[in-house]
Amino acid sequence: MEKEEVMMLTPMQLDALREIGNIGAGNAATALSQIINRKIDMSVPRLNILPLSEVPDVVGGADTMVAGVYLRVFGPAPSSILFLLPRDSAFSLVDMAMGREHGTTESLSAMDESALMEIGNILAGSFLNALSYFTKMTLLPSLPALAVDMAGAILSVILIQLGQVGDYALVIETEFATEANDVRGHFFLIPDPGSLNVILGTLGVSE
């Protein structure tokens, strides 16, 4: 997808995408708050047109150590879903999900990694339910993959998996945080080139 194509989205198209982002992220925040039994604050989803190489900047830069849960979305509008947490936030999230005292987790066991992947799975499912509802398309997530590494390294692996894609992506990005601010995460939906037109077409707001 060329940047110019994306930037020519009409206000109606942008509103439709924002609404999907809002409801999907709201569903995901509700699901996450139920898992950890804490209130989750959610930022209004942002629609960004940016080079994929700049996604790490959103979470503090390419050298920031993060836990990343990655899923592919299959169906008429193939996409990628990425849930990124700074490493300390990932540890705090595991403590909450596993019912441990805050600060207990200092590295991730296999069980901890499974818990993080399941959380990513639930968030992705919550978001895709909203997208499927609006578009009337069946969209299925792959099994989640987890990596704990520098944000730039995680993204480079994802780019290889995506193969030849445009330099620019439309990214629906939402930030989550607990009230105490001990867990912060970013959730990204990155439609494949061509998928955006499919999504817009089902919403009745395509060109």
N, C-alpha and C. Protein backbone atom coordinates (compact mmCIF):
# COMPACT_ATOMS: atom_id res chain seq x y z
N MET A 1 0.84 -1.19 0.00
CA MET A 1 0.00 0.00 0.00
C MET A 1 0.88 1.25 0.00
N GLU A 2 0.65 2.11 -0.92
CA GLU A 2 1.44 3.33 -0.97
C GLU A 2 0.92 4.32 0.07
N LYS A 3 1.82 5.11 0.60
CA LYS A 3 1.42 6.09 1.61
C LYS A 3 0.37 7.03 1.04
N GLU A 4 0.56 7.43 -0.23
CA GLU A 4 -0.37 8.40 -0.82
C GLU A 4 -1.79 7.84 -0.86
N GLU A 5 -1.92 6.53 -1.16
CA GLU A 5 -3.24 5.90 -1.20
C GLU A 5 -3.92 6.01 0.15
N VAL A 6 -3.17 5.70 1.20
CA VAL A 6 -3.74 5.69 2.53
C VAL A 6 -4.12 7.10 2.96
N MET A 7 -3.27 8.06 2.60
CA MET A 7 -3.53 9.42 3.04
C MET A 7 -4.75 10.02 2.34
N MET A 8 -5.21 9.36 1.27
CA MET A 8 -6.37 9.88 0.56
C MET A 8 -7.68 9.31 1.11
N LEU A 9 -7.62 8.60 2.22
CA LEU A 9 -8.85 8.11 2.83
C LEU A 9 -9.77 9.27 3.15
N THR A 10 -11.06 9.07 2.91
CA THR A 10 -12.04 10.13 3.16
C THR A 10 -12.35 10.21 4.65
N PRO A 11 -12.89 11.34 5.10
CA PRO A 11 -13.29 11.43 6.52
C PRO A 11 -14.25 10.31 6.91
N MET A 12 -15.17 9.92 6.01
CA MET A 12 -16.12 8.86 6.32
C MET A 12 -15.40 7.52 6.53
N GLN A 13 -14.40 7.26 5.67
CA GLN A 13 -13.63 6.03 5.81
C GLN A 13 -12.86 6.01 7.13
N LEU A 14 -12.23 7.14 7.44
CA LEU A 14 -11.47 7.23 8.69
C LEU A 14 -12.38 7.06 9.90
N ASP A 15 -13.58 7.66 9.83
CA ASP A 15 -14.53 7.52 10.94
C ASP A 15 -14.93 6.06 11.13
N ALA A 16 -15.16 5.35 10.01
CA ALA A 16 -15.56 3.94 10.09
C ALA A 16 -14.46 3.11 10.73
N LEU A 17 -13.21 3.37 10.34
CA LEU A 17 -12.08 2.62 10.90
C LEU A 17 -11.89 2.96 12.38
N ARG A 18 -12.07 4.23 12.73
CA ARG A 18 -11.94 4.63 14.13
C ARG A 18 -13.00 3.94 14.99
N GLU A 19 -14.22 3.84 14.45
CA GLU A 19 -15.30 3.21 15.21
C GLU A 19 -14.99 1.74 15.47
N ILE A 20 -14.49 1.05 14.45
CA ILE A 20 -14.09 -0.34 14.63
C ILE A 20 -12.99 -0.44 15.68
N GLY A 21 -12.00 0.45 15.57
CA GLY A 21 -10.90 0.46 16.54
C GLY A 21 -11.40 0.70 17.95
N ASN A 22 -12.34 1.64 18.09
CA ASN A 22 -12.87 1.99 19.40
C ASN A 22 -13.58 0.82 20.05
N ILE A 23 -14.47 0.17 19.30
CA ILE A 23 -15.25 -0.93 19.87
C ILE A 23 -14.35 -2.15 20.09
N GLY A 24 -13.47 -2.43 19.12
CA GLY A 24 -12.56 -3.57 19.27
C GLY A 24 -11.66 -3.40 20.47
N ALA A 25 -11.08 -2.21 20.61
CA ALA A 25 -10.18 -1.95 21.74
C ALA A 25 -10.95 -1.97 23.05
N GLY A 26 -12.18 -1.47 23.04
CA GLY A 26 -13.02 -1.50 24.25
C GLY A 26 -13.29 -2.93 24.69
N ASN A 27 -13.62 -3.79 23.71
CA ASN A 27 -13.83 -5.22 24.02
C ASN A 27 -12.56 -5.82 24.62
N ALA A 28 -11.42 -5.51 24.01
CA ALA A 28 -10.15 -6.07 24.46
C ALA A 28 -9.81 -5.58 25.88
N ALA A 29 -10.06 -4.30 26.14
CA ALA A 29 -9.76 -3.75 27.47
C ALA A 29 -10.63 -4.41 28.53
N THR A 30 -11.91 -4.64 28.20
CA THR A 30 -12.82 -5.32 29.14
C THR A 30 -12.33 -6.73 29.43
N ALA A 31 -11.92 -7.43 28.37
CA ALA A 31 -11.43 -8.81 28.54
C ALA A 31 -10.18 -8.83 29.42
N LEU A 32 -9.27 -7.88 29.17
CA LEU A 32 -8.02 -7.84 29.94
C LEU A 32 -8.29 -7.51 31.40
N SER A 33 -9.21 -6.58 31.66
CA SER A 33 -9.50 -6.20 33.05
C SER A 33 -10.11 -7.39 33.81
N GLN A 34 -10.88 -8.24 33.10
CA GLN A 34 -11.46 -9.42 33.76
C GLN A 34 -10.38 -10.45 34.08
N ILE A 35 -9.37 -10.57 33.20
CA ILE A 35 -8.30 -11.55 33.43
C ILE A 35 -7.49 -11.18 34.68
N ILE A 36 -7.15 -9.89 34.80
CA ILE A 36 -6.24 -9.49 35.88
C ILE A 36 -6.98 -8.85 37.06
N ASN A 37 -8.32 -8.75 36.93
CA ASN A 37 -9.14 -8.21 38.01
C ASN A 37 -8.70 -6.80 38.42
N ARG A 38 -8.33 -6.02 37.44
CA ARG A 38 -7.96 -4.61 37.66
C ARG A 38 -8.65 -3.76 36.60
N LYS A 39 -8.92 -2.51 36.94
CA LYS A 39 -9.47 -1.60 35.94
C LYS A 39 -8.40 -1.27 34.92
N ILE A 40 -8.78 -1.30 33.65
CA ILE A 40 -7.85 -0.97 32.57
C ILE A 40 -8.30 0.32 31.92
N ASP A 41 -7.41 1.29 31.84
CA ASP A 41 -7.69 2.52 31.09
C ASP A 41 -7.19 2.33 29.67
N MET A 42 -7.96 2.80 28.72
CA MET A 42 -7.64 2.60 27.31
C MET A 42 -7.63 3.95 26.61
N SER A 43 -6.60 4.20 25.86
CA SER A 43 -6.59 5.44 25.07
C SER A 43 -7.51 5.27 23.87
N VAL A 44 -8.02 6.38 23.37
CA VAL A 44 -8.79 6.33 22.13
C VAL A 44 -7.87 5.83 21.03
N PRO A 45 -8.31 4.82 20.28
CA PRO A 45 -7.42 4.27 19.24
C PRO A 45 -6.96 5.35 18.26
N ARG A 46 -5.69 5.27 17.90
CA ARG A 46 -5.13 6.20 16.93
C ARG A 46 -4.95 5.49 15.60
N LEU A 47 -5.27 6.19 14.54
CA LEU A 47 -4.98 5.69 13.21
C LEU A 47 -3.73 6.37 12.72
N ASN A 48 -2.69 5.59 12.52
CA ASN A 48 -1.43 6.15 12.06
C ASN A 48 -1.07 5.58 10.71
N ILE A 49 -0.54 6.41 9.85
CA ILE A 49 0.07 5.94 8.61
C ILE A 49 1.56 6.12 8.81
N LEU A 50 2.28 5.02 8.95
CA LEU A 50 3.69 5.16 9.25
C LEU A 50 4.46 3.98 8.66
N PRO A 51 5.74 4.20 8.40
CA PRO A 51 6.56 3.08 7.95
C PRO A 51 6.60 2.03 9.05
N LEU A 52 6.54 0.76 8.67
CA LEU A 52 6.59 -0.30 9.68
C LEU A 52 7.84 -0.20 10.54
N SER A 53 8.91 0.33 9.96
CA SER A 53 10.16 0.45 10.71
C SER A 53 10.03 1.43 11.88
N GLU A 54 8.98 2.27 11.88
CA GLU A 54 8.81 3.25 12.96
C GLU A 54 7.93 2.73 14.09
N VAL A 55 7.33 1.54 13.91
CA VAL A 55 6.47 1.00 14.98
C VAL A 55 7.23 0.90 16.31
N PRO A 56 8.52 0.46 16.32
CA PRO A 56 9.23 0.38 17.61
C PRO A 56 9.31 1.72 18.33
N ASP A 57 9.31 2.83 17.59
CA ASP A 57 9.41 4.15 18.22
C ASP A 57 8.23 4.41 19.16
N VAL A 58 7.09 3.81 18.84
CA VAL A 58 5.89 4.02 19.64
C VAL A 58 6.07 3.47 21.05
N VAL A 59 6.88 2.42 21.17
CA VAL A 59 7.06 1.80 22.49
C VAL A 59 8.41 2.14 23.10
N GLY A 60 9.04 3.20 22.61
CA GLY A 60 10.25 3.69 23.26
C GLY A 60 11.53 3.51 22.47
N GLY A 61 11.43 2.97 21.26
CA GLY A 61 12.62 2.86 20.42
C GLY A 61 12.99 1.42 20.12
N ALA A 62 13.78 1.25 19.07
CA ALA A 62 14.14 -0.09 18.58
C ALA A 62 14.90 -0.91 19.63
N ASP A 63 15.62 -0.23 20.54
CA ASP A 63 16.44 -0.96 21.53
C ASP A 63 15.68 -1.29 22.81
N THR A 64 14.40 -0.87 22.90
CA THR A 64 13.61 -1.14 24.10
C THR A 64 13.29 -2.62 24.20
N MET A 65 13.56 -3.21 25.37
CA MET A 65 13.24 -4.62 25.57
C MET A 65 11.73 -4.76 25.80
N VAL A 66 11.11 -5.58 24.98
CA VAL A 66 9.66 -5.75 25.06
C VAL A 66 9.30 -7.24 24.97
N ALA A 67 8.09 -7.53 25.41
CA ALA A 67 7.48 -8.83 25.11
C ALA A 67 6.47 -8.56 24.01
N GLY A 68 6.54 -9.32 22.96
CA GLY A 68 5.65 -9.13 21.82
C GLY A 68 4.86 -10.40 21.55
N VAL A 69 3.53 -10.26 21.49
CA VAL A 69 2.68 -11.37 21.08
C VAL A 69 2.17 -11.04 19.67
N TYR A 70 2.39 -11.97 18.76
CA TYR A 70 2.11 -11.73 17.35
C TYR A 70 1.15 -12.80 16.84
N LEU A 71 0.13 -12.36 16.08
CA LEU A 71 -0.80 -13.28 15.45
C LEU A 71 -1.05 -12.85 14.02
N ARG A 72 -1.25 -13.81 13.16
CA ARG A 72 -1.73 -13.53 11.82
C ARG A 72 -3.25 -13.66 11.82
N VAL A 73 -3.89 -12.88 10.99
CA VAL A 73 -5.34 -12.96 10.82
C VAL A 73 -5.62 -13.52 9.43
N PHE A 74 -6.40 -14.59 9.39
CA PHE A 74 -6.75 -15.24 8.12
C PHE A 74 -8.19 -14.92 7.75
N GLY A 75 -8.47 -14.93 6.47
CA GLY A 75 -9.81 -14.64 5.99
C GLY A 75 -9.74 -13.71 4.80
N PRO A 76 -10.85 -13.06 4.47
CA PRO A 76 -10.90 -12.19 3.28
C PRO A 76 -10.00 -10.95 3.40
N ALA A 77 -9.63 -10.57 4.62
CA ALA A 77 -8.80 -9.37 4.83
C ALA A 77 -7.61 -9.73 5.71
N PRO A 78 -6.62 -10.46 5.17
CA PRO A 78 -5.48 -10.86 5.99
C PRO A 78 -4.79 -9.66 6.63
N SER A 79 -4.40 -9.83 7.87
CA SER A 79 -3.79 -8.74 8.64
C SER A 79 -2.83 -9.33 9.66
N SER A 80 -2.16 -8.43 10.36
CA SER A 80 -1.31 -8.84 11.48
C SER A 80 -1.79 -8.13 12.74
N ILE A 81 -1.68 -8.82 13.85
CA ILE A 81 -1.98 -8.24 15.15
C ILE A 81 -0.72 -8.36 16.00
N LEU A 82 -0.38 -7.28 16.65
CA LEU A 82 0.82 -7.25 17.48
C LEU A 82 0.48 -6.59 18.82
N PHE A 83 0.78 -7.27 19.90
CA PHE A 83 0.58 -6.74 21.25
C PHE A 83 1.96 -6.60 21.86
N LEU A 84 2.40 -5.37 22.09
CA LEU A 84 3.74 -5.11 22.61
C LEU A 84 3.66 -4.53 24.02
N LEU A 85 4.47 -5.10 24.92
CA LEU A 85 4.57 -4.58 26.29
C LEU A 85 6.03 -4.41 26.64
N PRO A 86 6.40 -3.29 27.27
CA PRO A 86 7.74 -3.21 27.85
C PRO A 86 7.95 -4.41 28.77
N ARG A 87 9.18 -4.89 28.87
CA ARG A 87 9.44 -6.13 29.61
C ARG A 87 8.91 -6.08 31.04
N ASP A 88 9.12 -4.95 31.75
CA ASP A 88 8.65 -4.85 33.13
C ASP A 88 7.13 -4.94 33.20
N SER A 89 6.44 -4.36 32.20
CA SER A 89 4.99 -4.46 32.17
C SER A 89 4.54 -5.90 31.94
N ALA A 90 5.29 -6.62 31.11
CA ALA A 90 4.96 -8.03 30.87
C ALA A 90 5.08 -8.82 32.16
N PHE A 91 6.14 -8.54 32.94
CA PHE A 91 6.32 -9.25 34.22
C PHE A 91 5.17 -8.92 35.17
N SER A 92 4.78 -7.64 35.22
CA SER A 92 3.68 -7.23 36.11
C SER A 92 2.37 -7.88 35.68
N LEU A 93 2.15 -7.95 34.36
CA LEU A 93 0.93 -8.54 33.84
C LEU A 93 0.86 -10.03 34.21
N VAL A 94 1.99 -10.71 34.12
CA VAL A 94 2.04 -12.13 34.50
C VAL A 94 1.75 -12.28 35.99
N ASP A 95 2.34 -11.41 36.83
CA ASP A 95 2.06 -11.45 38.27
C ASP A 95 0.55 -11.37 38.53
N MET A 96 -0.11 -10.41 37.87
CA MET A 96 -1.55 -10.23 38.08
C MET A 96 -2.34 -11.43 37.57
N ALA A 97 -2.00 -11.88 36.36
CA ALA A 97 -2.75 -12.99 35.76
C ALA A 97 -2.58 -14.28 36.56
N MET A 98 -1.40 -14.45 37.17
CA MET A 98 -1.12 -15.69 37.91
C MET A 98 -1.40 -15.55 39.40
N GLY A 99 -1.88 -14.38 39.83
CA GLY A 99 -2.22 -14.18 41.23
C GLY A 99 -1.03 -14.08 42.15
N ARG A 100 0.11 -13.57 41.61
CA ARG A 100 1.32 -13.43 42.42
C ARG A 100 1.44 -12.02 42.99
N GLU A 101 2.28 -11.89 44.00
CA GLU A 101 2.57 -10.56 44.53
C GLU A 101 3.35 -9.76 43.49
N HIS A 102 3.03 -8.47 43.42
CA HIS A 102 3.69 -7.60 42.44
C HIS A 102 5.21 -7.63 42.63
N GLY A 103 5.95 -7.80 41.53
CA GLY A 103 7.40 -7.82 41.59
C GLY A 103 7.99 -9.21 41.71
N THR A 104 7.11 -10.23 41.75
CA THR A 104 7.60 -11.61 41.89
C THR A 104 8.32 -12.09 40.63
N THR A 105 7.71 -11.83 39.48
CA THR A 105 8.25 -12.35 38.23
C THR A 105 9.44 -11.52 37.76
N GLU A 106 10.57 -12.18 37.57
CA GLU A 106 11.77 -11.49 37.08
C GLU A 106 12.26 -12.08 35.76
N SER A 107 11.75 -13.23 35.41
CA SER A 107 11.99 -13.82 34.10
C SER A 107 10.78 -14.71 33.81
N LEU A 108 10.60 -15.06 32.55
CA LEU A 108 9.38 -15.77 32.16
C LEU A 108 9.64 -17.28 32.07
N SER A 109 8.86 -18.04 32.84
CA SER A 109 8.88 -19.49 32.72
C SER A 109 8.00 -19.88 31.52
N ALA A 110 8.03 -21.16 31.18
CA ALA A 110 7.18 -21.65 30.08
C ALA A 110 5.71 -21.38 30.40
N MET A 111 5.32 -21.53 31.67
CA MET A 111 3.93 -21.28 32.06
C MET A 111 3.59 -19.80 31.92
N ASP A 112 4.55 -18.93 32.30
CA ASP A 112 4.34 -17.49 32.15
C ASP A 112 4.16 -17.11 30.69
N GLU A 113 4.99 -17.70 29.84
CA GLU A 113 4.90 -17.41 28.41
C GLU A 113 3.55 -17.85 27.86
N SER A 114 3.06 -19.01 28.31
CA SER A 114 1.75 -19.49 27.88
C SER A 114 0.65 -18.51 28.31
N ALA A 115 0.79 -17.98 29.54
CA ALA A 115 -0.20 -17.03 30.04
C ALA A 115 -0.22 -15.76 29.18
N LEU A 116 0.98 -15.26 28.84
CA LEU A 116 1.05 -14.06 28.00
C LEU A 116 0.46 -14.31 26.61
N MET A 117 0.75 -15.48 26.05
CA MET A 117 0.21 -15.79 24.73
C MET A 117 -1.31 -15.91 24.77
N GLU A 118 -1.82 -16.48 25.87
CA GLU A 118 -3.28 -16.60 25.99
C GLU A 118 -3.92 -15.23 26.14
N ILE A 119 -3.27 -14.33 26.88
CA ILE A 119 -3.78 -12.96 26.99
C ILE A 119 -3.80 -12.29 25.61
N GLY A 120 -2.70 -12.46 24.86
CA GLY A 120 -2.66 -11.92 23.50
C GLY A 120 -3.77 -12.50 22.64
N ASN A 121 -4.01 -13.79 22.81
CA ASN A 121 -5.06 -14.48 22.06
C ASN A 121 -6.43 -13.89 22.37
N ILE A 122 -6.70 -13.65 23.65
CA ILE A 122 -7.99 -13.11 24.07
C ILE A 122 -8.17 -11.68 23.56
N LEU A 123 -7.12 -10.88 23.65
CA LEU A 123 -7.19 -9.51 23.13
C LEU A 123 -7.47 -9.50 21.63
N ALA A 124 -6.74 -10.36 20.91
CA ALA A 124 -6.92 -10.42 19.45
C ALA A 124 -8.33 -10.86 19.11
N GLY A 125 -8.83 -11.89 19.84
CA GLY A 125 -10.18 -12.38 19.59
C GLY A 125 -11.22 -11.32 19.85
N SER A 126 -11.04 -10.54 20.92
CA SER A 126 -11.98 -9.47 21.25
C SER A 126 -12.03 -8.43 20.14
N PHE A 127 -10.84 -8.10 19.62
CA PHE A 127 -10.77 -7.09 18.56
C PHE A 127 -11.38 -7.63 17.27
N LEU A 128 -11.05 -8.88 16.94
CA LEU A 128 -11.54 -9.45 15.69
C LEU A 128 -13.05 -9.66 15.72
N ASN A 129 -13.61 -9.90 16.90
CA ASN A 129 -15.07 -10.01 16.99
C ASN A 129 -15.74 -8.72 16.54
N ALA A 130 -15.17 -7.59 16.95
CA ALA A 130 -15.74 -6.30 16.54
C ALA A 130 -15.57 -6.10 15.04
N LEU A 131 -14.38 -6.43 14.53
CA LEU A 131 -14.12 -6.26 13.10
C LEU A 131 -15.04 -7.17 12.28
N SER A 132 -15.23 -8.40 12.74
CA SER A 132 -16.11 -9.34 12.04
C SER A 132 -17.56 -8.86 12.07
N TYR A 133 -17.96 -8.31 13.21
CA TYR A 133 -19.34 -7.83 13.34
C TYR A 133 -19.63 -6.72 12.33
N PHE A 134 -18.70 -5.78 12.21
CA PHE A 134 -18.91 -4.65 11.31
C PHE A 134 -18.81 -5.05 9.84
N THR A 135 -17.87 -5.93 9.55
CA THR A 135 -17.58 -6.24 8.15
C THR A 135 -18.36 -7.44 7.63
N LYS A 136 -18.96 -8.21 8.58
CA LYS A 136 -19.67 -9.47 8.23
C LYS A 136 -18.71 -10.47 7.57
N MET A 137 -17.42 -10.36 7.87
CA MET A 137 -16.43 -11.30 7.36
C MET A 137 -16.00 -12.24 8.48
N THR A 138 -15.68 -13.45 8.12
CA THR A 138 -15.11 -14.39 9.09
C THR A 138 -13.60 -14.20 9.11
N LEU A 139 -13.08 -13.74 10.24
CA LEU A 139 -11.65 -13.47 10.40
C LEU A 139 -11.13 -14.31 11.56
N LEU A 140 -10.16 -15.14 11.28
CA LEU A 140 -9.68 -16.09 12.27
C LEU A 140 -8.22 -15.82 12.63
N PRO A 141 -7.89 -15.78 13.92
CA PRO A 141 -6.49 -15.57 14.31
C PRO A 141 -5.70 -16.86 14.27
N SER A 142 -4.42 -16.75 13.96
CA SER A 142 -3.51 -17.89 14.06
C SER A 142 -3.22 -18.14 15.54
N LEU A 143 -2.51 -19.21 15.84
CA LEU A 143 -1.99 -19.38 17.19
C LEU A 143 -0.99 -18.26 17.45
N PRO A 144 -0.94 -17.75 18.68
CA PRO A 144 -0.01 -16.64 18.97
C PRO A 144 1.43 -17.10 19.07
N ALA A 145 2.34 -16.21 18.71
CA ALA A 145 3.77 -16.43 18.92
C ALA A 145 4.26 -15.35 19.88
N LEU A 146 5.20 -15.71 20.73
CA LEU A 146 5.71 -14.77 21.74
C LEU A 146 7.22 -14.62 21.58
N ALA A 147 7.69 -13.39 21.69
CA ALA A 147 9.13 -13.14 21.71
C ALA A 147 9.42 -12.09 22.77
N VAL A 148 10.52 -12.26 23.48
CA VAL A 148 11.01 -11.22 24.40
C VAL A 148 12.36 -10.79 23.86
N ASP A 149 12.39 -9.58 23.34
CA ASP A 149 13.59 -9.12 22.64
C ASP A 149 13.48 -7.60 22.48
N MET A 150 14.45 -7.02 21.79
CA MET A 150 14.36 -5.60 21.48
C MET A 150 13.23 -5.39 20.47
N ALA A 151 12.52 -4.27 20.60
CA ALA A 151 11.36 -4.01 19.75
C ALA A 151 11.73 -4.07 18.27
N GLY A 152 12.89 -3.54 17.93
CA GLY A 152 13.32 -3.54 16.53
C GLY A 152 13.54 -4.95 16.00
N ALA A 153 14.08 -5.82 16.85
CA ALA A 153 14.34 -7.21 16.43
C ALA A 153 13.03 -7.95 16.21
N ILE A 154 12.06 -7.74 17.11
CA ILE A 154 10.76 -8.41 16.96
C ILE A 154 10.10 -7.96 15.67
N LEU A 155 10.16 -6.66 15.40
CA LEU A 155 9.50 -6.15 14.21
C LEU A 155 10.17 -6.67 12.94
N SER A 156 11.49 -6.80 12.97
CA SER A 156 12.18 -7.27 11.76
C SER A 156 11.79 -8.71 11.44
N VAL A 157 11.58 -9.53 12.47
CA VAL A 157 11.12 -10.91 12.26
C VAL A 157 9.73 -10.91 11.63
N ILE A 158 8.87 -10.02 12.12
CA ILE A 158 7.50 -9.94 11.59
C ILE A 158 7.53 -9.50 10.14
N LEU A 159 8.40 -8.54 9.81
CA LEU A 159 8.49 -8.08 8.42
C LEU A 159 8.90 -9.21 7.50
N ILE A 160 9.81 -10.07 7.97
CA ILE A 160 10.24 -11.21 7.16
C ILE A 160 9.05 -12.14 6.93
N GLN A 161 8.25 -12.37 8.00
CA GLN A 161 7.10 -13.25 7.87
C GLN A 161 6.05 -12.68 6.92
N LEU A 162 5.93 -11.36 6.92
CA LEU A 162 4.93 -10.73 6.05
C LEU A 162 5.34 -10.79 4.59
N GLY A 163 6.65 -10.96 4.34
CA GLY A 163 7.12 -10.99 2.95
C GLY A 163 7.09 -9.60 2.35
N GLN A 164 6.78 -9.54 1.09
CA GLN A 164 6.80 -8.26 0.38
C GLN A 164 5.55 -7.46 0.68
N VAL A 165 5.67 -6.47 1.51
CA VAL A 165 4.54 -5.58 1.79
C VAL A 165 4.99 -4.16 1.49
N GLY A 166 4.02 -3.27 1.44
CA GLY A 166 4.35 -1.87 1.18
C GLY A 166 5.18 -1.30 2.31
N ASP A 167 5.87 -0.22 2.02
CA ASP A 167 6.70 0.41 3.04
C ASP A 167 5.86 1.02 4.15
N TYR A 168 4.64 1.42 3.79
CA TYR A 168 3.78 2.10 4.76
C TYR A 168 2.62 1.20 5.14
N ALA A 169 2.17 1.35 6.36
CA ALA A 169 1.01 0.58 6.82
C ALA A 169 0.06 1.51 7.54
N LEU A 170 -1.20 1.19 7.42
CA LEU A 170 -2.19 1.82 8.27
C LEU A 170 -2.21 1.03 9.56
N VAL A 171 -1.95 1.69 10.67
CA VAL A 171 -1.86 1.02 11.97
C VAL A 171 -2.95 1.57 12.87
N ILE A 172 -3.82 0.68 13.36
CA ILE A 172 -4.76 1.07 14.40
C ILE A 172 -4.10 0.71 15.73
N GLU A 173 -3.77 1.72 16.50
CA GLU A 173 -2.96 1.52 17.70
C GLU A 173 -3.71 1.99 18.93
N THR A 174 -3.73 1.16 19.96
CA THR A 174 -4.39 1.48 21.22
C THR A 174 -3.41 1.26 22.36
N GLU A 175 -3.46 2.15 23.33
CA GLU A 175 -2.60 1.98 24.51
C GLU A 175 -3.46 1.60 25.71
N PHE A 176 -3.02 0.57 26.43
CA PHE A 176 -3.69 0.13 27.64
C PHE A 176 -2.82 0.46 28.85
N ALA A 177 -3.46 0.75 29.97
CA ALA A 177 -2.70 0.94 31.21
C ALA A 177 -3.59 0.64 32.40
N THR A 178 -3.01 0.06 33.45
CA THR A 178 -3.74 -0.10 34.71
C THR A 178 -3.72 1.24 35.44
N GLU A 179 -4.60 1.36 36.42
CA GLU A 179 -4.69 2.63 37.17
C GLU A 179 -3.35 2.99 37.81
N ALA A 180 -2.66 1.98 38.32
CA ALA A 180 -1.37 2.23 38.98
C ALA A 180 -0.24 2.41 37.97
N ASN A 181 -0.58 2.25 36.69
CA ASN A 181 0.38 2.46 35.61
C ASN A 181 1.52 1.44 35.62
N ASP A 182 1.28 0.26 36.25
CA ASP A 182 2.34 -0.74 36.29
C ASP A 182 2.27 -1.70 35.11
N VAL A 183 1.22 -1.60 34.33
CA VAL A 183 1.15 -2.37 33.09
C VAL A 183 0.74 -1.42 31.98
N ARG A 184 1.60 -1.31 30.98
CA ARG A 184 1.27 -0.52 29.80
C ARG A 184 1.52 -1.39 28.58
N GLY A 185 0.63 -1.31 27.63
CA GLY A 185 0.81 -2.11 26.43
C GLY A 185 0.28 -1.39 25.21
N HIS A 186 0.74 -1.79 24.06
CA HIS A 186 0.25 -1.24 22.79
C HIS A 186 -0.27 -2.38 21.93
N PHE A 187 -1.42 -2.16 21.36
CA PHE A 187 -2.07 -3.15 20.51
C PHE A 187 -2.15 -2.57 19.10
N PHE A 188 -1.65 -3.33 18.14
CA PHE A 188 -1.61 -2.84 16.76
C PHE A 188 -2.37 -3.80 15.84
N LEU A 189 -3.19 -3.24 14.96
CA LEU A 189 -3.76 -4.00 13.85
C LEU A 189 -3.15 -3.43 12.58
N ILE A 190 -2.50 -4.31 11.81
CA ILE A 190 -1.81 -3.87 10.60
C ILE A 190 -2.38 -4.65 9.41
N PRO A 191 -3.32 -4.06 8.66
CA PRO A 191 -3.88 -4.77 7.51
C PRO A 191 -2.81 -4.98 6.43
N ASP A 192 -2.85 -6.15 5.79
CA ASP A 192 -1.98 -6.38 4.64
C ASP A 192 -2.35 -5.40 3.52
N PRO A 193 -1.42 -5.14 2.60
CA PRO A 193 -1.78 -4.34 1.42
C PRO A 193 -2.96 -4.99 0.72
N GLY A 194 -3.96 -4.20 0.38
CA GLY A 194 -5.15 -4.74 -0.27
C GLY A 194 -6.26 -5.05 0.72
N SER A 195 -5.90 -5.44 1.96
CA SER A 195 -6.92 -5.79 2.95
C SER A 195 -7.74 -4.57 3.36
N LEU A 196 -7.09 -3.41 3.39
CA LEU A 196 -7.80 -2.20 3.79
C LEU A 196 -8.97 -1.93 2.83
N ASN A 197 -8.73 -2.10 1.53
CA ASN A 197 -9.80 -1.88 0.56
C ASN A 197 -10.94 -2.87 0.76
N VAL A 198 -10.59 -4.12 1.10
CA VAL A 198 -11.62 -5.14 1.36
C VAL A 198 -12.47 -4.73 2.57
N ILE A 199 -11.80 -4.30 3.63
CA ILE A 199 -12.52 -3.89 4.85
C ILE A 199 -13.42 -2.70 4.55
N LEU A 200 -12.89 -1.70 3.86
CA LEU A 200 -13.68 -0.52 3.54
C LEU A 200 -14.86 -0.87 2.65
N GLY A 201 -14.65 -1.80 1.72
CA GLY A 201 -15.73 -2.22 0.81
C GLY A 201 -16.88 -2.84 1.57
N THR A 202 -16.59 -3.65 2.58
CA THR A 202 -17.66 -4.29 3.35
C THR A 202 -18.40 -3.27 4.19
N LEU A 203 -17.74 -2.17 4.52
CA LEU A 203 -18.39 -1.13 5.34
C LEU A 203 -19.21 -0.16 4.50
N GLY A 204 -19.13 -0.33 3.17
CA GLY A 204 -19.88 0.57 2.29
C GLY A 204 -19.25 1.93 2.17
N VAL A 205 -17.96 2.05 2.49
CA VAL A 205 -17.29 3.36 2.39
C VAL A 205 -16.04 3.26 1.53
N SER A 206 -16.02 2.28 0.62
CA SER A 206 -14.86 2.20 -0.28
C SER A 206 -14.98 3.28 -1.32
N GLU A 207 -13.88 3.48 -2.06
CA GLU A 207 -13.88 4.54 -3.07
C GLU A 207 -14.95 4.26 -4.11
